[in-house]
C-alpha atoms as a PDB file:
ATOM      1  CA  MET A   1       0.000   0.000   0.000  1.00  0.00           C
ATOM      2  CA  SER A   2       1.239   3.484  -0.873  1.00  0.00           C
ATOM      3  CA  ILE A   3       0.658   6.392   1.529  1.00  0.00           C
ATOM      4  CA  THR A   4       0.894   9.927   0.159  1.00  0.00           C
ATOM      5  CA  ALA A   5       2.767  12.572   2.135  1.00  0.00           C
ATOM      6  CA  GLN A   6       1.657  16.197   2.172  1.00  0.00           C
ATOM      7  CA  LEU A   7       4.134  19.055   2.556  1.00  0.00           C
ATOM      8  CA  HIS A   8       3.308  21.040   5.687  1.00  0.00           C
ATOM      9  CA  ASP A   9       6.237  23.508   5.865  1.00  0.00           C
ATOM     10  CA  SER A  10       9.494  24.079   4.009  1.00  0.00           C
ATOM     11  CA  VAL A  11      12.388  26.384   4.880  1.00  0.00           C
ATOM     12  CA  LYS A  12      16.025  26.898   3.958  1.00  0.00           C
ATOM     13  CA  LEU A  13      18.044  26.192   7.084  1.00  0.00           C
ATOM     14  CA  GLN A  14      21.805  26.001   7.202  1.00  0.00           C
ATOM     15  CA  GLY A  15      22.894  23.148   9.468  1.00  0.00           C
ATOM     16  CA  GLY A  16      19.391  21.672   9.486  1.00  0.00           C
ATOM     17  CA  ALA A  17      20.764  18.179   8.902  1.00  0.00           C
ATOM     18  CA  ALA A  18      21.527  18.054  12.641  1.00  0.00           C
ATOM     19  CA  LEU A  19      17.781  18.067  13.299  1.00  0.00           C
ATOM     20  CA  VAL A  20      17.190  14.975  11.189  1.00  0.00           C
ATOM     21  CA  ASN A  21      20.438  13.034  11.396  1.00  0.00           C
ATOM     22  CA  GLY A  22      21.933  14.135  14.685  1.00  0.00           C
ATOM     23  CA  PHE A  23      21.067  15.485  18.122  1.00  0.00           C
ATOM     24  CA  GLY A  24      20.118  19.049  17.251  1.00  0.00           C
ATOM     25  CA  LEU A  25      16.432  18.592  18.042  1.00  0.00           C
ATOM     26  CA  GLU A  26      15.249  18.714  21.664  1.00  0.00           C
ATOM     27  CA  ILE A  27      11.660  17.563  22.113  1.00  0.00           C
ATOM     28  CA  ARG A  28       9.919  17.928  25.472  1.00  0.00           C
ATOM     29  CA  THR A  29       6.370  17.031  26.469  1.00  0.00           C
ATOM     30  CA  HIS A  30       5.172  20.377  27.832  1.00  0.00           C
ATOM     31  CA  THR A  31       7.360  22.911  25.988  1.00  0.00           C
ATOM     32  CA  PRO A  32       7.822  23.657  22.277  1.00  0.00           C
ATOM     33  CA  SER A  33      10.332  21.576  20.329  1.00  0.00           C
ATOM     34  CA  ARG A  34      13.659  23.352  19.990  1.00  0.00           C
ATOM     35  CA  ALA A  35      16.348  23.364  17.339  1.00  0.00           C
ATOM     36  CA  LEU A  36      19.864  23.557  18.824  1.00  0.00           C
ATOM     37  CA  LEU A  37      22.200  24.549  16.009  1.00  0.00           C
ATOM     38  CA  GLN A  38      25.908  25.212  16.305  1.00  0.00           C
ATOM     39  CA  ASN A  39      27.009  28.276  14.366  1.00  0.00           C
ATOM     40  CA  GLY A  40      30.734  28.848  14.672  1.00  0.00           C
ATOM     41  CA  HIS A  41      31.545  29.184  18.366  1.00  0.00           C
ATOM     42  CA  GLU A  42      27.931  29.605  19.434  1.00  0.00           C
ATOM     43  CA  LEU A  43      24.918  27.393  20.077  1.00  0.00           C
ATOM     44  CA  GLU A  44      21.811  29.019  18.630  1.00  0.00           C
ATOM     45  CA  VAL A  45      18.429  28.010  20.037  1.00  0.00           C
ATOM     46  CA  TYR A  46      15.265  28.264  17.947  1.00  0.00           C
ATOM     47  CA  ASP A  47      11.637  27.398  18.467  1.00  0.00           C
ATOM     48  CA  LEU A  48      11.292  24.742  15.766  1.00  0.00           C
ATOM     49  CA  TYR A  49       7.821  25.785  14.668  1.00  0.00           C
ATOM     50  CA  ASP A  50       8.852  29.449  14.456  1.00  0.00           C
ATOM     51  CA  VAL A  51      11.780  28.429  12.229  1.00  0.00           C
ATOM     52  CA  LEU A  52       9.460  26.457   9.973  1.00  0.00           C
ATOM     53  CA  ALA A  53       7.232  29.534   9.765  1.00  0.00           C
ATOM     54  CA  GLY A  54      10.177  31.605   8.528  1.00  0.00           C
ATOM     55  CA  GLU A  55      11.495  33.175  11.756  1.00  0.00           C
ATOM     56  CA  ARG A  56      15.255  33.689  11.412  1.00  0.00           C
ATOM     57  CA  ALA A  57      16.149  35.064  14.843  1.00  0.00           C
ATOM     58  CA  PRO A  58      17.160  32.585  17.566  1.00  0.00           C
ATOM     59  CA  THR A  59      15.374  32.768  20.903  1.00  0.00           C
ATOM     60  CA  ALA A  60      18.722  32.441  22.699  1.00  0.00           C
ATOM     61  CA  VAL A  61      22.418  32.223  21.860  1.00  0.00           C
ATOM     62  CA  PHE A  62      24.977  30.526  24.110  1.00  0.00           C
ATOM     63  CA  PRO A  63      28.736  30.837  23.476  1.00  0.00           C
ATOM     64  CA  LEU A  64      30.458  27.464  23.477  1.00  0.00           C
ATOM     65  CA  PRO A  65      32.590  27.012  26.623  1.00  0.00           C
ATOM     66  CA  TRP A  66      35.258  25.110  24.680  1.00  0.00           C
ATOM     67  CA  PRO A  67      35.285  26.319  21.041  1.00  0.00           C
ATOM     68  CA  GLY A  68      37.688  23.559  19.963  1.00  0.00           C
ATOM     69  CA  TRP A  69      35.443  20.804  21.351  1.00  0.00           C
ATOM     70  CA  ASP A  70      32.882  19.779  18.713  1.00  0.00           C
ATOM     71  CA  ARG A  71      31.502  16.620  20.314  1.00  0.00           C
ATOM     72  CA  GLY A  72      29.144  15.831  23.170  1.00  0.00           C
ATOM     73  CA  VAL A  73      25.351  16.125  23.254  1.00  0.00           C
ATOM     74  CA  HIS A  74      24.179  19.314  24.945  1.00  0.00           C
ATOM     75  CA  SER A  75      20.870  20.510  26.392  1.00  0.00           C
ATOM     76  CA  VAL A  76      18.939  23.716  27.075  1.00  0.00           C
ATOM     77  CA  SER A  77      16.677  24.310  30.065  1.00  0.00           C
ATOM     78  CA  PRO A  78      12.924  24.183  29.402  1.00  0.00           C
ATOM     79  CA  ASP A  79      12.611  27.935  30.021  1.00  0.00           C
ATOM     80  CA  GLY A  80      15.606  28.680  27.774  1.00  0.00           C
ATOM     81  CA  THR A  81      17.516  30.608  30.442  1.00  0.00           C
ATOM     82  CA  PHE A  82      20.617  28.399  30.499  1.00  0.00           C
ATOM     83  CA  ALA A  83      22.391  25.733  28.481  1.00  0.00           C
ATOM     84  CA  VAL A  84      24.372  22.759  29.747  1.00  0.00           C
ATOM     85  CA  PHE A  85      27.345  21.554  27.706  1.00  0.00           C
ATOM     86  CA  SER A  86      28.861  18.088  27.798  1.00  0.00           C
ATOM     87  CA  GLY A  87      32.600  18.652  27.478  1.00  0.00           C
ATOM     88  CA  GLN A  88      35.636  16.407  27.358  1.00  0.00           C
ATOM     89  CA  ARG A  89      36.522  16.934  31.031  1.00  0.00           C
ATOM     90  CA  ALA A  90      33.550  18.815  32.485  1.00  0.00           C
ATOM     91  CA  VAL A  91      29.845  19.508  32.318  1.00  0.00           C
ATOM     92  CA  ARG A  92      29.257  23.258  32.367  1.00  0.00           C
ATOM     93  CA  ALA A  93      26.111  25.374  32.639  1.00  0.00           C
ATOM     94  CA  VAL A  94      26.207  28.850  31.072  1.00  0.00           C
ATOM     95  CA  GLY A  95      23.848  31.782  30.723  1.00  0.00           C
ATOM     96  CA  PRO A  96      22.970  33.486  27.422  1.00  0.00           C
ATOM     97  CA  GLY A  97      25.884  35.888  27.761  1.00  0.00           C
ATOM     98  CA  GLY A  98      28.292  33.009  28.180  1.00  0.00           C
ATOM     99  CA  GLU A  99      28.740  33.591  31.916  1.00  0.00           C
ATOM    100  CA  PRO A 100      29.567  30.304  33.685  1.00  0.00           C
ATOM    101  CA  LEU A 101      26.849  29.326  36.154  1.00  0.00           C
ATOM    102  CA  TRP A 102      28.601  26.214  37.439  1.00  0.00           C
ATOM    103  CA  GLU A 103      30.949  23.453  36.358  1.00  0.00           C
ATOM    104  CA  TYR A 104      31.063  19.769  37.239  1.00  0.00           C
ATOM    105  CA  ARG A 105      34.559  18.381  36.637  1.00  0.00           C
ATOM    106  CA  HIS A 106      35.034  14.746  35.643  1.00  0.00           C
ATOM    107  CA  GLY A 107      37.636  12.486  34.049  1.00  0.00           C
ATOM    108  CA  CYS A 108      38.777  12.891  30.454  1.00  0.00           C
ATOM    109  CA  TRP A 109      36.956  11.187  27.594  1.00  0.00           C
ATOM    110  CA  GLY A 110      40.256  10.878  25.727  1.00  0.00           C
ATOM    111  CA  PRO A 111      40.921   7.150  25.115  1.00  0.00           C
ATOM    112  CA  VAL A 112      44.652   7.208  25.922  1.00  0.00           C
ATOM    113  CA  LEU A 113      45.102   5.876  29.462  1.00  0.00           C
ATOM    114  CA  ASP A 114      46.801   8.088  32.058  1.00  0.00           C
ATOM    115  CA  HIS A 115      47.557  10.868  29.593  1.00  0.00           C
ATOM    116  CA  THR A 116      48.507  14.272  30.986  1.00  0.00           C
ATOM    117  CA  HIS A 117      46.917  17.678  30.483  1.00  0.00           C
ATOM    118  CA  THR A 118      48.541  21.054  30.028  1.00  0.00           C
ATOM    119  CA  GLY A 119      46.201  22.811  32.418  1.00  0.00           C
ATOM    120  CA  ASP A 120      44.629  24.804  29.599  1.00  0.00           C
ATOM    121  CA  GLU A 121      40.872  24.271  29.810  1.00  0.00           C
ATOM    122  CA  GLN A 122      40.640  24.719  26.041  1.00  0.00           C
ATOM    123  CA  GLU A 123      42.940  21.751  25.407  1.00  0.00           C
ATOM    124  CA  VAL A 124      41.191  19.041  23.389  1.00  0.00           C
ATOM    125  CA  CYS A 125      42.707  15.608  23.824  1.00  0.00           C
ATOM    126  CA  TYR A 126      42.958  12.945  21.143  1.00  0.00           C
ATOM    127  CA  GLY A 127      39.851  10.841  20.454  1.00  0.00           C
ATOM    128  CA  SER A 128      36.239  11.194  19.329  1.00  0.00           C
ATOM    129  CA  GLU A 129      34.666   9.658  22.451  1.00  0.00           C
ATOM    130  CA  HIS A 130      32.101  11.806  24.260  1.00  0.00           C
ATOM    131  CA  GLY A 131      29.280  11.834  26.769  1.00  0.00           C
ATOM    132  CA  SER A 132      25.950  13.623  26.861  1.00  0.00           C
ATOM    133  CA  CYS A 133      23.695  15.568  29.193  1.00  0.00           C
ATOM    134  CA  ARG A 134      20.021  16.432  29.499  1.00  0.00           C
ATOM    135  CA  VAL A 135      18.156  18.975  31.601  1.00  0.00           C
ATOM    136  CA  SER A 136      15.109  17.369  33.209  1.00  0.00           C
ATOM    137  CA  ASP A 137      11.706  18.443  31.919  1.00  0.00           C
ATOM    138  CA  ASP A 138      11.015  20.395  35.116  1.00  0.00           C
ATOM    139  CA  GLY A 139      14.373  22.191  34.836  1.00  0.00           C
ATOM    140  CA  ARG A 140      15.498  21.138  38.320  1.00  0.00           C
ATOM    141  CA  PHE A 141      18.152  18.543  37.481  1.00  0.00           C
ATOM    142  CA  VAL A 142      20.797  17.727  34.906  1.00  0.00           C
ATOM    143  CA  TRP A 143      21.504  14.130  33.964  1.00  0.00           C
ATOM    144  CA  ALA A 144      25.004  13.522  32.600  1.00  0.00           C
ATOM    145  CA  HIS A 145      26.994  10.568  31.301  1.00  0.00           C
ATOM    146  CA  VAL A 146      30.609  11.111  32.371  1.00  0.00           C
ATOM    147  CA  VAL A 147      33.972   9.512  33.078  1.00  0.00           C
ATOM    148  CA  PRO A 148      34.758   9.405  36.829  1.00  0.00           C
ATOM    149  CA  ALA A 149      37.313  11.908  38.059  1.00  0.00           C
ATOM    150  CA  PRO A 150      40.876  10.732  38.756  1.00  0.00           C
ATOM    151  CA  GLY A 151      40.932   8.734  41.973  1.00  0.00           C
ATOM    152  CA  GLU A 152      37.371   7.486  41.374  1.00  0.00           C
ATOM    153  CA  GLN A 153      38.274   4.806  38.853  1.00  0.00           C
ATOM    154  CA  ASP A 154      36.464   1.884  40.481  1.00  0.00           C
ATOM    155  CA  TRP A 155      34.330   1.817  37.327  1.00  0.00           C
ATOM    156  CA  LEU A 156      34.820   2.968  33.763  1.00  0.00           C
ATOM    157  CA  GLU A 157      31.977   5.476  33.507  1.00  0.00           C
ATOM    158  CA  CYS A 158      29.029   6.725  35.508  1.00  0.00           C
ATOM    159  CA  TRP A 159      25.650   8.389  35.186  1.00  0.00           C
ATOM    160  CA  VAL A 160      25.164  11.351  37.493  1.00  0.00           C
ATOM    161  CA  VAL A 161      22.241  13.533  38.509  1.00  0.00           C
ATOM    162  CA  LEU A 162      23.222  17.153  39.214  1.00  0.00           C
ATOM    163  CA  ASP A 163      21.305  19.962  40.868  1.00  0.00           C
ATOM    164  CA  ALA A 164      20.620  22.395  38.017  1.00  0.00           C
ATOM    165  CA  ARG A 165      21.033  25.384  40.349  1.00  0.00           C
ATOM    166  CA  ASP A 166      24.676  24.803  41.267  1.00  0.00           C
ATOM    167  CA  GLY A 167      25.917  21.584  39.604  1.00  0.00           C
ATOM    168  CA  ARG A 168      26.104  19.716  42.895  1.00  0.00           C
ATOM    169  CA  GLU A 169      26.025  15.936  42.435  1.00  0.00           C
ATOM    170  CA  VAL A 170      22.959  14.467  44.133  1.00  0.00           C
ATOM    171  CA  ALA A 171      23.192  10.875  42.879  1.00  0.00           C
ATOM    172  CA  ARG A 172      25.196   8.592  40.618  1.00  0.00           C
ATOM    173  CA  LEU A 173      25.070   5.137  39.066  1.00  0.00           C
ATOM    174  CA  PRO A 174      28.212   3.218  38.051  1.00  0.00           C
ATOM    175  CA  LEU A 175      28.198   1.970  34.440  1.00  0.00           C
ATOM    176  CA  ASP A 176      30.014  -0.973  32.926  1.00  0.00           C
ATOM    177  CA  SER A 177      30.553   0.764  29.598  1.00  0.00           C
ATOM    178  CA  ALA A 178      33.326   2.084  27.381  1.00  0.00           C
ATOM    179  CA  ALA A 179      31.486   4.610  25.251  1.00  0.00           C
ATOM    180  CA  SER A 180      32.206   6.084  21.898  1.00  0.00           C
ATOM    181  CA  GLY A 181      29.152   8.314  22.448  1.00  0.00           C
ATOM    182  CA  SER A 182      25.758   8.517  24.129  1.00  0.00           C
ATOM    183  CA  HIS A 183      22.433  10.327  24.191  1.00  0.00           C
ATOM    184  CA  HIS A 184      19.539  10.825  26.620  1.00  0.00           C
ATOM    185  CA  ILE A 185      15.766  10.643  26.144  1.00  0.00           C
ATOM    186  CA  SER A 186      13.332  12.074  28.712  1.00  0.00           C
ATOM    187  CA  HIS A 187      10.310   9.947  29.477  1.00  0.00           C
ATOM    188  CA  PRO A 188       7.024  11.894  29.140  1.00  0.00           C
ATOM    189  CA  ASP A 189       6.099  11.041  32.750  1.00  0.00           C
ATOM    190  CA  GLY A 190       8.750  13.531  33.904  1.00  0.00           C
ATOM    191  CA  LEU A 191      10.285  11.003  36.291  1.00  0.00           C
ATOM    192  CA  HIS A 192      12.289   8.591  34.169  1.00  0.00           C
ATOM    193  CA  MET A 193      15.319   9.200  31.987  1.00  0.00           C
ATOM    194  CA  GLY A 194      16.731   6.926  29.311  1.00  0.00           C
ATOM    195  CA  LEU A 195      20.411   6.651  28.399  1.00  0.00           C
ATOM    196  CA  CYS A 196      21.713   4.961  25.261  1.00  0.00           C
ATOM    197  CA  ILE A 197      25.464   4.283  25.086  1.00  0.00           C
ATOM    198  CA  GLY A 198      27.142   3.404  21.815  1.00  0.00           C
ATOM    199  CA  MET A 199      30.368   1.421  22.126  1.00  0.00           C
ATOM    200  CA  GLY A 200      31.280   1.043  18.471  1.00  0.00           C
ATOM    201  CA  GLN A 201      31.939  -2.559  17.475  1.00  0.00           C
ATOM    202  CA  ASP A 202      31.299  -3.625  21.100  1.00  0.00           C
ATOM    203  CA  GLY A 203      27.602  -2.880  20.806  1.00  0.00           C
ATOM    204  CA  ILE A 204      24.975  -0.720  22.497  1.00  0.00           C
ATOM    205  CA  LEU A 205      23.933  -0.411  26.136  1.00  0.00           C
ATOM    206  CA  LEU A 206      20.503   0.853  27.180  1.00  0.00           C
ATOM    207  CA  HIS A 207      19.601   2.118  30.658  1.00  0.00           C
ATOM    208  CA  TRP A 208      16.588   3.670  32.357  1.00  0.00           C
ATOM    209  CA  ALA A 209      16.594   5.393  35.733  1.00  0.00           C
ATOM    210  CA  ARG A 210      14.259   7.274  38.060  1.00  0.00           C
ATOM    211  CA  TRP A 211      15.168  10.037  40.477  1.00  0.00           C
ATOM    212  CA  ASP A 212      12.404  10.797  42.989  1.00  0.00           C
ATOM    213  CA  GLY A 213      14.319  13.538  44.801  1.00  0.00           C
ATOM    214  CA  GLU A 214      15.724  11.152  47.394  1.00  0.00           C
ATOM    215  CA  LYS A 215      16.639   7.889  45.677  1.00  0.00           C
ATOM    216  CA  LEU A 216      18.072   7.052  42.262  1.00  0.00           C
ATOM    217  CA  THR A 217      16.833   3.739  40.913  1.00  0.00           C
ATOM    218  CA  GLY A 218      18.337   2.410  37.706  1.00  0.00           C
ATOM    219  CA  TRP A 219      18.013  -0.683  35.583  1.00  0.00           C
ATOM    220  CA  ASP A 220      19.555  -1.800  32.330  1.00  0.00           C
ATOM    221  CA  LEU A 221      18.002  -3.690  29.444  1.00  0.00           C
ATOM    222  CA  ASN A 222      21.155  -5.286  28.160  1.00  0.00           C
ATOM    223  CA  ASP A 223      20.210  -8.962  28.272  1.00  0.00           C
ATOM    224  CA  THR A 224      19.495  -8.357  24.583  1.00  0.00           C
ATOM    225  CA  LEU A 225      22.518  -6.275  23.613  1.00  0.00           C
ATOM    226  CA  ASP A 226      22.706  -3.980  20.617  1.00  0.00           C
ATOM    227  CA  ARG A 227      19.404  -2.122  20.789  1.00  0.00           C
ATOM    228  CA  ILE A 228      19.386   1.638  20.224  1.00  0.00           C
ATOM    229  CA  LEU A 229      16.925   3.746  22.206  1.00  0.00           C
ATOM    230  CA  MET A 230      15.023   5.785  19.616  1.00  0.00           C
ATOM    231  CA  ASP A 231      11.850   7.408  20.899  1.00  0.00           C
ATOM    232  CA  VAL A 232       9.008   7.697  23.410  1.00  0.00           C
ATOM    233  CA  HIS A 233       5.591   9.344  23.127  1.00  0.00           C
ATOM    234  CA  PRO A 234       3.233  10.668  25.841  1.00  0.00           C
ATOM    235  CA  GLY A 235       0.263   8.907  24.254  1.00  0.00           C
ATOM    236  CA  HIS A 236       1.955   5.520  24.012  1.00  0.00           C
ATOM    237  CA  PRO A 237       2.840   3.143  26.865  1.00  0.00           C
ATOM    238  CA  GLY A 238       6.131   1.894  25.416  1.00  0.00           C
ATOM    239  CA  PHE A 239       9.448   3.052  24.024  1.00  0.00           C
ATOM    240  CA  LEU A 240      10.932   2.266  20.631  1.00  0.00           C
ATOM    241  CA  THR A 241      14.289   0.654  19.853  1.00  0.00           C
ATOM    242  CA  VAL A 242      16.053  -0.468  16.691  1.00  0.00           C
ATOM    243  CA  GLU A 243      18.541  -3.320  16.545  1.00  0.00           C
ATOM    244  CA  HIS A 244      22.121  -2.103  16.074  1.00  0.00           C
ATOM    245  CA  TYR A 245      22.294  -3.403  12.490  1.00  0.00           C
ATOM    246  CA  GLY A 246      18.691  -2.557  11.662  1.00  0.00           C
ATOM    247  CA  THR A 247      17.222  -6.044  11.483  1.00  0.00           C
ATOM    248  CA  ASP A 248      14.073  -5.079  13.420  1.00  0.00           C
ATOM    249  CA  LEU A 249      12.221  -2.458  15.433  1.00  0.00           C
ATOM    250  CA  ARG A 250      10.765  -3.254  18.845  1.00  0.00           C
ATOM    251  CA  LEU A 251       8.322  -1.669  21.232  1.00  0.00           C
ATOM    252  CA  HIS A 252       9.063  -2.232  24.909  1.00  0.00           C
ATOM    253  CA  ALA A 253       7.358  -1.612  28.212  1.00  0.00           C
ATOM    254  CA  LEU A 254       9.471   0.449  30.607  1.00  0.00           C
ATOM    255  CA  ASP A 255      10.795  -2.740  32.220  1.00  0.00           C
ATOM    256  CA  GLY A 256      12.043  -3.910  28.821  1.00  0.00           C
ATOM    257  CA  THR A 257       9.259  -6.378  28.028  1.00  0.00           C
ATOM    258  CA  VAL A 258       8.850  -6.638  24.250  1.00  0.00           C
ATOM    259  CA  LEU A 259       5.363  -5.532  23.211  1.00  0.00           C
ATOM    260  CA  ALA A 260       5.745  -5.747  19.423  1.00  0.00           C
ATOM    261  CA  GLU A 261       8.353  -6.319  16.742  1.00  0.00           C
ATOM    262  CA  GLY A 262       8.535  -5.239  13.113  1.00  0.00           C
ATOM    263  CA  GLU A 263      10.866  -6.137  10.266  1.00  0.00           C
ATOM    264  CA  PRO A 264      11.231  -4.143   7.026  1.00  0.00           C
ATOM    265  CA  GLU A 265       9.372  -5.309   3.961  1.00  0.00           C
ATOM    266  CA  SER A 266      11.434  -6.151   0.915  1.00  0.00           C
ATOM    267  CA  SER A 267      11.206  -6.367  -2.838  1.00  0.00           C
ATOM    268  CA  ASP A 268      14.074  -8.858  -2.812  1.00  0.00           C
ATOM    269  CA  ASP A 269      13.914 -11.747  -0.336  1.00  0.00           C
ATOM    270  CA  GLU A 270      17.538 -12.658  -1.052  1.00  0.00           C
ATOM    271  CA  ASP A 271      18.859  -9.248  -0.014  1.00  0.00           C
ATOM    272  CA  PRO A 272      16.329  -7.726   2.406  1.00  0.00           C
ATOM    273  CA  PRO A 273      16.769  -4.113   3.548  1.00  0.00           C
ATOM    274  CA  CYS A 274      17.460  -3.021   7.115  1.00  0.00           C
ATOM    275  CA  TRP A 275      15.966  -0.214   9.142  1.00  0.00           C
ATOM    276  CA  ASP A 276      17.967   2.977   9.498  1.00  0.00           C
ATOM    277  CA  TYR A 277      18.651   4.707  12.800  1.00  0.00           C
ATOM    278  CA  GLY A 278      16.084   7.420  12.027  1.00  0.00           C
ATOM    279  CA  CYS A 279      12.686   6.256  13.297  1.00  0.00           C
ATOM    280  CA  GLY A 280      10.133   7.146  15.936  1.00  0.00           C
ATOM    281  CA  PHE A 281       6.575   8.148  16.747  1.00  0.00           C
ATOM    282  CA  VAL A 282       4.751  10.358  14.260  1.00  0.00           C
ATOM    283  CA  ASP A 283       1.945  10.315  16.810  1.00  0.00           C
ATOM    284  CA  ALA A 284       0.599   7.892  19.411  1.00  0.00           C
ATOM    285  CA  ASP A 285      -0.796   5.614  16.701  1.00  0.00           C
ATOM    286  CA  THR A 286       1.911   5.761  14.034  1.00  0.00           C
ATOM    287  CA  VAL A 287       5.635   5.019  13.780  1.00  0.00           C
ATOM    288  CA  ILE A 288       7.800   6.118  10.860  1.00  0.00           C
ATOM    289  CA  ALA A 289      10.949   4.268   9.781  1.00  0.00           C
ATOM    290  CA  SER A 290      13.164   4.188   6.713  1.00  0.00           C
ATOM    291  CA  THR A 291      15.442   1.945   4.690  1.00  0.00           C
ATOM    292  CA  VAL A 292      17.495   4.716   3.074  1.00  0.00           C
ATOM    293  CA  ASP A 293      20.896   3.203   3.825  1.00  0.00           C
ATOM    294  CA  SER A 294      20.224  -0.388   2.833  1.00  0.00           C
ATOM    295  CA  ASP A 295      17.765  -0.259  -0.060  1.00  0.00           C
ATOM    296  CA  ASP A 296      19.566   0.446  -3.340  1.00  0.00           C
ATOM    297  CA  ASP A 297      16.573  -0.138  -5.610  1.00  0.00           C
ATOM    298  CA  PRO A 298      15.413   3.347  -6.764  1.00  0.00           C
ATOM    299  CA  ASP A 299      11.935   2.001  -7.442  1.00  0.00           C
ATOM    300  CA  TRP A 300      11.508   0.615  -3.928  1.00  0.00           C
ATOM    301  CA  ALA A 301      10.048   2.984  -1.338  1.00  0.00           C
ATOM    302  CA  ARG A 302      12.380   4.401   1.296  1.00  0.00           C
ATOM    303  CA  HIS A 303      10.118   5.626   4.124  1.00  0.00           C
ATOM    304  CA  TRP A 304       7.403   3.601   5.820  1.00  0.00           C
ATOM    305  CA  LEU A 305       4.517   4.146   8.231  1.00  0.00           C
ATOM    306  CA  LEU A 306       3.823   1.428  10.799  1.00  0.00           C
ATOM    307  CA  ASP A 307       1.093   0.803  13.321  1.00  0.00           C
ATOM    308  CA  ALA A 308       2.424   2.008  16.689  1.00  0.00           C
ATOM    309  CA  ARG A 309       0.821  -0.838  18.654  1.00  0.00           C
ATOM    310  CA  THR A 310       1.776  -3.797  16.487  1.00  0.00           C
ATOM    311  CA  LEU A 311       4.620  -2.431  14.302  1.00  0.00           C
ATOM    312  CA  ARG A 312       2.900  -3.931  11.284  1.00  0.00           C
ATOM    313  CA  THR A 313       3.703  -1.969   8.129  1.00  0.00           C
ATOM    314  CA  ARG A 314       0.828   0.246   6.997  1.00  0.00           C
ATOM    315  CA  GLY A 315       2.491   1.255   3.760  1.00  0.00           C
ATOM    316  CA  ALA A 316       5.319   2.973   1.932  1.00  0.00           C
ATOM    317  CA  ILE A 317       5.329   6.776   1.710  1.00  0.00           C
ATOM    318  CA  THR A 318       5.078   8.521  -1.651  1.00  0.00           C
ATOM    319  CA  TYR A 319       6.212  12.163  -1.771  1.00  0.00           C
ATOM    320  CA  PRO A 320       4.656  14.673  -4.183  1.00  0.00           C
ATOM    321  CA  THR A 321       8.134  16.098  -4.848  1.00  0.00           C
ATOM    322  CA  GLY A 322       9.480  12.725  -5.989  1.00  0.00           C
ATOM    323  CA  ARG A 323      12.030  10.556  -4.290  1.00  0.00           C
ATOM    324  CA  VAL A 324      13.259  11.767  -0.854  1.00  0.00           C
ATOM    325  CA  ASP A 325      16.570  10.218   0.188  1.00  0.00           C
ATOM    326  CA  SER A 326      16.782  11.934   3.568  1.00  0.00           C
ATOM    327  CA  TYR A 327      16.602  10.310   6.956  1.00  0.00           C
ATOM    328  CA  VAL A 328      13.396  11.030   8.837  1.00  0.00           C
ATOM    329  CA  CYS A 329      12.760  12.630  12.217  1.00  0.00           C
ATOM    330  CA  PRO A 330       9.222  12.408  13.629  1.00  0.00           C
ATOM    331  CA  LEU A 331       7.956  15.191  15.883  1.00  0.00           C
ATOM    332  CA  GLY A 332       5.212  13.248  17.683  1.00  0.00           C
ATOM    333  CA  ASP A 333       2.532  15.738  16.611  1.00  0.00           C
ATOM    334  CA  GLY A 334       1.479  13.952  13.424  1.00  0.00           C
ATOM    335  CA  THR A 335       4.365  15.294  11.341  1.00  0.00           C
ATOM    336  CA  TRP A 336       7.959  14.403  10.477  1.00  0.00           C
ATOM    337  CA  LEU A 337      11.059  16.171   9.140  1.00  0.00           C
ATOM    338  CA  THR A 338      13.374  15.478   6.213  1.00  0.00           C
ATOM    339  CA  TYR A 339      16.403  17.494   5.098  1.00  0.00           C
ATOM    340  CA  ASP A 340      17.791  17.945   1.598  1.00  0.00           C
ATOM    341  CA  ASP A 341      21.572  18.364   1.844  1.00  0.00           C
ATOM    342  CA  ALA A 342      21.911  19.633  -1.730  1.00  0.00           C
ATOM    343  CA  SER A 343      19.481  22.536  -1.317  1.00  0.00           C
ATOM    344  CA  GLY A 344      19.767  23.011   2.453  1.00  0.00           C
ATOM    345  CA  THR A 345      15.988  22.679   2.791  1.00  0.00           C
ATOM    346  CA  LEU A 346      14.203  21.415   5.895  1.00  0.00           C
ATOM    347  CA  ASP A 347      10.766  19.984   5.076  1.00  0.00           C
ATOM    348  CA  ARG A 348       7.968  19.066   7.449  1.00  0.00           C
ATOM    349  CA  TRP A 349       5.478  16.471   6.256  1.00  0.00           C
ATOM    350  CA  THR A 350       2.186  14.968   7.287  1.00  0.00           C
ATOM    351  CA  GLU A 351       0.101  12.139   5.937  1.00  0.00           C
ATOM    352  CA  ALA A 352      -2.272  13.413   3.242  1.00  0.00           C
ATOM    353  CA  THR A 353      -5.923  13.215   4.249  1.00  0.00           C
ATOM    354  CA  SER A 354      -7.276  12.774   0.728  1.00  0.00           C
END
């Protein structure tokens, strides 16, 4: 079955690829979706829907604390008054003028053991490894994936909860991981946080935790290794993962129980396609996924809509503009984004009603 897409908005946006194939989009349940775009030595913050409507001025601009550091996944507070940056040796909160609000020092993400530092905070050590951080949806806490400070090397890495007012550590969980990178996803209930840790050829680790203000409770879902945490939705009871190599999508309950599983359809049973990393909830009833990377047949559809309860394929998407080779990024409001690298155009789509 073919499903026709309808163009909702379209805008030229330099760097917009980070919203579709990266971590430049910050979606929260009770605040507008934000685009976090790096422009030179600054992080520009935009209301996504204002950008799609043609607004060019950012709502806030935060100077990067370490201009030479181009890794890490950063976060902005729900009210937009401060940003938190995940650095190579620290997590730092800054105000719009760049003034440091606080800093939480940790060990170095550089992969060379026991290497020395010059003392220059702008020094960037060898390696592409990085952590991530996320401001909680109520703005009170910062969750961060870090390397323990020197002298705290009883474990490789840890997950900390920081007081967003002053960066004070209020809780931590030790992690048995050796990350190449990570990202966080806030659960819509405002209590739980998800952490996905990529370890390159060593696989993927997936953790959930809950901080109730007094106790941090965490659990991992790594009995079935190599599942990437992709998305959650306030109108859906589960969360979505994709297998590391794209063989299937799964819906899980918060305890990890598998609720549904879906494999990509194929025009060639001998060389079936795999799902890409870009997938998620279009809305509570619909999941979007793609086979851009693995499907080389130009006549075979690239993007698919699936039932969000069963993960059965509803149909392949047909675009009125012709073939769309972009990854997809669903917004949870009934629409999804694609980005054309050649033209620098960010498009927002919805399923056509007629």
